[in-house]
Protein backbone atom coordinates (compact mmCIF):
# COMPACT_ATOMS: atom_id res chain seq x y z
CA UNK A 1 -37.74 -40.72 35.05
CA UNK A 2 -40.50 -43.25 35.42
CA UNK A 3 -44.06 -42.14 34.72
CA UNK A 4 -46.61 -43.11 37.33
CA UNK A 5 -49.90 -44.25 35.78
CA UNK A 6 -51.80 -42.00 38.21
CA UNK A 7 -50.55 -38.86 36.46
CA UNK A 8 -52.11 -39.45 32.98
CA UNK A 9 -55.27 -40.89 34.56
CA UNK A 10 -55.51 -37.84 36.79
CA UNK A 11 -55.00 -35.50 33.85
CA UNK A 12 -57.69 -37.26 31.83
CA UNK A 13 -60.26 -37.20 34.64
CA UNK A 14 -59.42 -33.61 35.57
CA UNK A 15 -59.84 -32.33 32.00
CA UNK A 16 -63.05 -34.28 31.31
CA UNK A 17 -64.45 -33.36 34.73
CA UNK A 18 -63.70 -29.67 34.20
CA UNK A 19 -65.41 -29.68 30.80
CA UNK A 20 -68.45 -31.51 32.17
CA UNK A 21 -68.62 -29.22 35.22
CA UNK A 22 -68.49 -26.06 33.11
CA UNK A 23 -71.14 -27.49 30.76
CA UNK A 24 -73.34 -28.18 33.77
CA UNK A 25 -72.93 -24.59 34.93
CA UNK A 26 -73.84 -22.98 31.60
CA UNK A 27 -76.49 -25.41 30.31
CA UNK A 28 -80.22 -24.76 30.40
CA UNK A 29 -82.02 -26.17 33.44
CA UNK A 30 -84.87 -27.45 31.25
CA UNK A 31 -82.75 -30.33 29.92
CA UNK A 32 -82.57 -31.83 33.42
CA UNK A 33 -86.32 -32.39 33.79
CA UNK A 34 -85.90 -36.06 32.81
CA UNK A 35 -83.43 -36.53 35.69
CA UNK A 36 -85.86 -35.12 38.28
CA UNK A 37 -84.26 -31.67 38.05
CA UNK A 38 -80.82 -32.88 39.14
CA UNK A 39 -77.99 -31.31 37.17
CA UNK A 40 -76.18 -34.57 36.42
CA UNK A 41 -73.45 -32.92 34.36
CA UNK A 42 -72.55 -30.55 37.17
CA UNK A 43 -72.35 -33.22 39.88
CA UNK A 44 -70.55 -35.88 37.82
CA UNK A 45 -68.18 -33.24 36.49
CA UNK A 46 -67.37 -32.21 40.05
CA UNK A 47 -66.87 -35.86 41.08
CA UNK A 48 -64.51 -36.49 38.15
CA UNK A 49 -62.66 -33.25 38.82
CA UNK A 50 -62.06 -34.20 42.45
CA UNK A 51 -61.05 -37.77 41.54
CA UNK A 52 -58.63 -36.49 38.89
CA UNK A 53 -57.09 -33.97 41.28
CA UNK A 54 -56.56 -36.67 43.91
CA UNK A 55 -54.93 -38.98 41.36
CA UNK A 56 -52.63 -36.17 40.19
CA UNK A 57 -51.68 -35.33 43.76
CA UNK A 58 -50.94 -38.98 44.59
CA UNK A 59 -48.87 -39.41 41.42
CA UNK A 60 -46.83 -36.26 41.97
CA UNK A 61 -46.34 -37.08 45.63
CA UNK A 62 -45.01 -40.54 44.75
CA UNK A 63 -42.65 -39.06 42.15
CA UNK A 64 -41.31 -36.48 44.58
CA UNK A 65 -40.74 -39.12 47.26
CA UNK A 66 -39.01 -41.35 44.75
CA UNK A 67 -36.78 -38.44 43.75
CA UNK A 68 -35.84 -37.64 47.36
CA UNK A 69 -34.71 -41.19 48.15
CA UNK A 70 -32.57 -41.59 45.02
CA UNK A 71 -28.87 -40.77 45.33
CA UNK A 72 -27.81 -37.56 43.59
CA UNK A 73 -26.53 -38.06 40.06
CA UNK A 74 -22.80 -37.86 39.66
CA UNK A 75 -19.97 -39.14 37.53
CA UNK A 76 -19.59 -42.91 37.50
CA UNK A 77 -17.00 -44.31 39.85
CA UNK A 78 -14.07 -45.98 38.12
CA UNK A 79 -12.91 -49.24 39.63
CA UNK A 80 -9.20 -50.08 39.48
CA UNK A 81 -8.30 -52.93 37.16
CA UNK A 82 -6.51 -55.91 38.69
CA UNK A 83 -4.23 -57.66 36.52
């Protein structure tokens, strides 16, 4: 099994995005006064979460397509010896 690089990248962005998104939901609104009241953690967490989910989906889709086109595993074929 070959690991597609999109899977670990997707996992990393999904986990970090989820943590940042949850922090943006539960944090105090007063800390966002310097950013003109925009909840940066919430929006960037959502962006990273979506990006990570897309990367995971693309990686898993490529692995499933690769698995469908491969011949089924079976015992090796013995070739007759000439001699």
